[in-house]
C-alpha atoms as a PDB file:
ATOM      1  CA  MET A   1      -4.718 -14.149  -9.550  1.00  0.00           C
ATOM      2  CA  MET A   2      -2.595 -16.712 -10.886  1.00  0.00           C
ATOM      3  CA  ALA A   3       0.427 -17.539 -12.854  1.00  0.00           C
ATOM      4  CA  ASN A   4      -1.265 -17.917 -15.872  1.00  0.00           C
ATOM      5  CA  ASP A   5      -3.890 -14.904 -15.734  1.00  0.00           C
ATOM      6  CA  SER A   6      -2.815 -12.393 -18.420  1.00  0.00           C
ATOM      7  CA  ILE A   7      -1.378  -9.327 -17.564  1.00  0.00           C
ATOM      8  CA  ASP A   8      -2.112  -6.096 -19.460  1.00  0.00           C
ATOM      9  CA  GLU A   9       0.234  -3.530 -17.893  1.00  0.00           C
ATOM     10  CA  VAL A  10       3.254  -4.090 -15.494  1.00  0.00           C
ATOM     11  CA  SER A  11       4.384  -1.177 -13.574  1.00  0.00           C
ATOM     12  CA  VAL A  12       7.375  -1.002 -10.932  1.00  0.00           C
ATOM     13  CA  PHE A  13       6.323   1.251  -7.665  1.00  0.00           C
ATOM     14  CA  PHE A  14       9.664   1.887  -5.649  1.00  0.00           C
ATOM     15  CA  TYR A  15       8.943   2.644  -2.149  1.00  0.00           C
ATOM     16  CA  ASN A  16      11.777   1.741   0.094  1.00  0.00           C
ATOM     17  CA  PRO A  17      11.893   4.079   3.139  1.00  0.00           C
ATOM     18  CA  ASN A  18      13.835   1.024   4.878  1.00  0.00           C
ATOM     19  CA  ILE A  19      16.667   1.167   2.811  1.00  0.00           C
ATOM     20  CA  HIS A  20      19.817   3.222   4.799  1.00  0.00           C
ATOM     21  CA  PRO A  21      22.000   4.940   4.225  1.00  0.00           C
ATOM     22  CA  ARG A  22      20.032   7.377   1.706  1.00  0.00           C
ATOM     23  CA  ARG A  23      22.842   6.556  -0.766  1.00  0.00           C
ATOM     24  CA  GLU A  24      22.298   2.943  -0.573  1.00  0.00           C
ATOM     25  CA  TYR A  25      18.484   3.907  -1.651  1.00  0.00           C
ATOM     26  CA  GLU A  26      19.561   6.137  -4.301  1.00  0.00           C
ATOM     27  CA  ILE A  27      21.813   3.436  -5.709  1.00  0.00           C
ATOM     28  CA  ARG A  28      19.192   0.863  -5.816  1.00  0.00           C
ATOM     29  CA  LYS A  29      16.285   3.310  -6.734  1.00  0.00           C
ATOM     30  CA  GLU A  30      18.172   4.318  -9.871  1.00  0.00           C
ATOM     31  CA  GLU A  31      19.391   0.592 -10.697  1.00  0.00           C
ATOM     32  CA  ASN A  32      15.326   0.018 -10.752  1.00  0.00           C
ATOM     33  CA  LYS A  33      14.778   2.990 -13.125  1.00  0.00           C
ATOM     34  CA  ARG A  34      17.423   1.829 -15.580  1.00  0.00           C
ATOM     35  CA  TYR A  35      16.242  -1.488 -15.639  1.00  0.00           C
ATOM     36  CA  CYS A  36      12.865  -0.238 -16.159  1.00  0.00           C
ATOM     37  CA  GLU A  37      13.544   1.978 -18.939  1.00  0.00           C
ATOM     38  CA  LYS A  38      15.448  -0.800 -20.805  1.00  0.00           C
ATOM     39  CA  LEU A  39      12.312  -2.621 -20.437  1.00  0.00           C
ATOM     40  CA  GLY A  40      10.077  -0.201 -21.137  1.00  0.00           C
ATOM     41  CA  ILE A  41       8.217  -0.361 -18.080  1.00  0.00           C
ATOM     42  CA  GLN A  42       6.650   2.013 -16.023  1.00  0.00           C
ATOM     43  CA  PHE A  43       8.926   3.390 -12.803  1.00  0.00           C
ATOM     44  CA  ILE A  44       6.686   4.978 -10.197  1.00  0.00           C
ATOM     45  CA  ASP A  45       8.736   6.707  -7.815  1.00  0.00           C
ATOM     46  CA  CYS A  46       7.233   7.017  -4.390  1.00  0.00           C
ATOM     47  CA  ASP A  47       8.850   9.459  -1.187  1.00  0.00           C
ATOM     48  CA  TYR A  48      11.640   8.220   0.678  1.00  0.00           C
ATOM     49  CA  ASP A  49       9.448   9.062   3.464  1.00  0.00           C
ATOM     50  CA  VAL A  50      11.836   7.743   6.283  1.00  0.00           C
ATOM     51  CA  GLU A  51      10.800   9.718   9.095  1.00  0.00           C
ATOM     52  CA  ASN A  52       7.208   7.601   8.869  1.00  0.00           C
ATOM     53  CA  TRP A  53       9.299   4.472   8.670  1.00  0.00           C
ATOM     54  CA  TYR A  54      11.382   5.465  11.584  1.00  0.00           C
ATOM     55  CA  ALA A  55       8.343   6.177  13.802  1.00  0.00           C
ATOM     56  CA  ARG A  56       6.389   3.103  12.670  1.00  0.00           C
ATOM     57  CA  THR A  57       9.182   0.604  13.860  1.00  0.00           C
ATOM     58  CA  LYS A  58      10.337   2.488  16.780  1.00  0.00           C
ATOM     59  CA  GLY A  59      11.070   0.037  19.638  1.00  0.00           C
ATOM     60  CA  MET A  60      11.748  -2.765  17.019  1.00  0.00           C
ATOM     61  CA  GLU A  61      15.389  -1.658  15.971  1.00  0.00           C
ATOM     62  CA  PHE A  62      16.684  -4.879  17.467  1.00  0.00           C
ATOM     63  CA  ASP A  63      13.927  -7.376  16.148  1.00  0.00           C
ATOM     64  CA  PRO A  64      15.325 -10.392  14.389  1.00  0.00           C
ATOM     65  CA  GLU A  65      14.908 -10.909  10.670  1.00  0.00           C
ATOM     66  CA  ARG A  66      11.422 -12.274  10.099  1.00  0.00           C
ATOM     67  CA  GLY A  67      10.175 -10.884  13.057  1.00  0.00           C
ATOM     68  CA  ALA A  68       7.513  -8.119  13.800  1.00  0.00           C
ATOM     69  CA  ARG A  69       9.620  -5.097  12.407  1.00  0.00           C
ATOM     70  CA  CYS A  70       9.585  -6.882   9.128  1.00  0.00           C
ATOM     71  CA  THR A  71       5.878  -7.244   9.236  1.00  0.00           C
ATOM     72  CA  ALA A  72       5.663  -3.680  10.162  1.00  0.00           C
ATOM     73  CA  CYS A  73       7.891  -2.855   6.871  1.00  0.00           C
ATOM     74  CA  PHE A  74       6.065  -5.161   4.705  1.00  0.00           C
ATOM     75  CA  ASP A  75       2.562  -3.634   5.978  1.00  0.00           C
ATOM     76  CA  MET A  76       4.044  -0.076   5.381  1.00  0.00           C
ATOM     77  CA  ARG A  77       5.524  -0.558   1.881  1.00  0.00           C
ATOM     78  CA  MET A  78       2.265  -2.833   0.741  1.00  0.00           C
ATOM     79  CA  GLU A  79      -0.345  -0.466   2.082  1.00  0.00           C
ATOM     80  CA  ARG A  80       1.299   2.575   0.211  1.00  0.00           C
ATOM     81  CA  ALA A  81       1.712   0.444  -2.900  1.00  0.00           C
ATOM     82  CA  ALA A  82      -2.215  -0.943  -2.416  1.00  0.00           C
ATOM     83  CA  LEU A  83      -3.216   2.697  -1.921  1.00  0.00           C
ATOM     84  CA  TYR A  84      -1.532   3.866  -4.853  1.00  0.00           C
ATOM     85  CA  ALA A  85      -2.811   1.043  -7.187  1.00  0.00           C
ATOM     86  CA  HIS A  86      -6.577   1.662  -6.350  1.00  0.00           C
ATOM     87  CA  GLU A  87      -6.039   5.766  -7.083  1.00  0.00           C
ATOM     88  CA  HIS A  88      -4.499   4.819 -10.411  1.00  0.00           C
ATOM     89  CA  GLY A  89      -7.028   2.005 -11.551  1.00  0.00           C
ATOM     90  CA  TYR A  90      -4.724  -1.446 -11.021  1.00  0.00           C
ATOM     91  CA  GLN A  91      -6.247  -4.471 -10.549  1.00  0.00           C
ATOM     92  CA  ALA A  92      -3.591  -6.251  -8.530  1.00  0.00           C
ATOM     93  CA  ILE A  93      -0.119  -6.052  -6.709  1.00  0.00           C
ATOM     94  CA  ALA A  94       2.443  -7.827  -6.207  1.00  0.00           C
ATOM     95  CA  THR A  95       6.019  -7.974  -4.760  1.00  0.00           C
ATOM     96  CA  THR A  96       9.354  -9.433  -5.204  1.00  0.00           C
ATOM     97  CA  ASN A  97      10.055  -8.665  -1.465  1.00  0.00           C
ATOM     98  CA  ALA A  98       9.981 -12.533  -0.897  1.00  0.00           C
ATOM     99  CA  THR A  99      12.862 -13.541  -3.458  1.00  0.00           C
ATOM    100  CA  SER A 100      15.458 -13.485  -0.695  1.00  0.00           C
ATOM    101  CA  ARG A 101      15.876 -16.527   1.236  1.00  0.00           C
ATOM    102  CA  TRP A 102      16.364 -14.306   4.281  1.00  0.00           C
ATOM    103  CA  LYS A 103      12.316 -13.313   3.950  1.00  0.00           C
ATOM    104  CA  ASP A 104       9.438 -15.454   4.776  1.00  0.00           C
ATOM    105  CA  ALA A 105       7.162 -15.373   1.827  1.00  0.00           C
ATOM    106  CA  HIS A 106       4.134 -16.178   3.932  1.00  0.00           C
ATOM    107  CA  GLN A 107       5.038 -13.070   5.983  1.00  0.00           C
ATOM    108  CA  VAL A 108       5.257 -10.789   2.780  1.00  0.00           C
ATOM    109  CA  ASN A 109       2.260 -12.400   1.497  1.00  0.00           C
ATOM    110  CA  GLU A 110      -0.096 -12.062   4.462  1.00  0.00           C
ATOM    111  CA  SER A 111       0.789  -8.142   4.073  1.00  0.00           C
ATOM    112  CA  GLY A 112       0.139  -8.241   0.532  1.00  0.00           C
ATOM    113  CA  HIS A 113      -3.500  -9.450   1.248  1.00  0.00           C
ATOM    114  CA  ARG A 114      -4.163  -7.297   4.289  1.00  0.00           C
ATOM    115  CA  ALA A 115      -3.199  -4.185   2.112  1.00  0.00           C
ATOM    116  CA  ALA A 116      -5.497  -4.960  -0.740  1.00  0.00           C
ATOM    117  CA  ALA A 117      -8.284  -6.157   1.338  1.00  0.00           C
ATOM    118  CA  PRO A 118      -9.897  -2.663   1.912  1.00  0.00           C
ATOM    119  CA  TYR A 119      -9.987  -1.798  -1.834  1.00  0.00           C
ATOM    120  CA  ASP A 120     -12.747  -3.275  -3.962  1.00  0.00           C
ATOM    121  CA  GLY A 121     -11.338  -4.577  -7.295  1.00  0.00           C
ATOM    122  CA  LEU A 122      -7.985  -4.767  -5.953  1.00  0.00           C
ATOM    123  CA  CYS A 123      -6.182  -7.982  -5.262  1.00  0.00           C
ATOM    124  CA  TYR A 124      -2.640  -9.217  -3.948  1.00  0.00           C
ATOM    125  CA  TRP A 125      -1.211 -11.840  -6.534  1.00  0.00           C
ATOM    126  CA  ALA A 126       0.943 -14.227  -4.155  1.00  0.00           C
ATOM    127  CA  TYR A 127       3.710 -15.418  -6.709  1.00  0.00           C
ATOM    128  CA  ASP A 128       6.553 -17.694  -5.724  1.00  0.00           C
ATOM    129  CA  TRP A 129       9.189 -15.752  -7.290  1.00  0.00           C
ATOM    130  CA  GLN A 130      12.241 -17.318  -5.791  1.00  0.00           C
ATOM    131  CA  THR A 131      14.920 -19.452  -8.332  1.00  0.00           C
ATOM    132  CA  ASP A 132      17.137 -22.142  -7.056  1.00  0.00           C
ATOM    133  CA  GLU A 133      19.901 -19.503  -8.038  1.00  0.00           C
END
């Protein structure tokens, strides 16, 4: 998918079991819901699923930013998004995870491509969401 391709439907899929504590997770979720409501965008609330996240990242607690733990986290979240997209007829997934200067866009995008690959008709839209701000 390219930046100038047409997009018929946009939804926000909120799946962030990596956010702690739970109160912070809820604050971010509610802000996303509010923003989606304001713009008339569908908000899809996935499970917090924190136990799965802990199990998947066990032993990586002290990995540096952009390390293996980040890859595992991106993979987990992209896999869940790709599965949902496939099951509900979406043609593409994307993420704004790489907007932070602390994230590696290549690392994020590789997770997206891996997650979409098993599903015929689903692609990962690698878009540079970063700004100069």
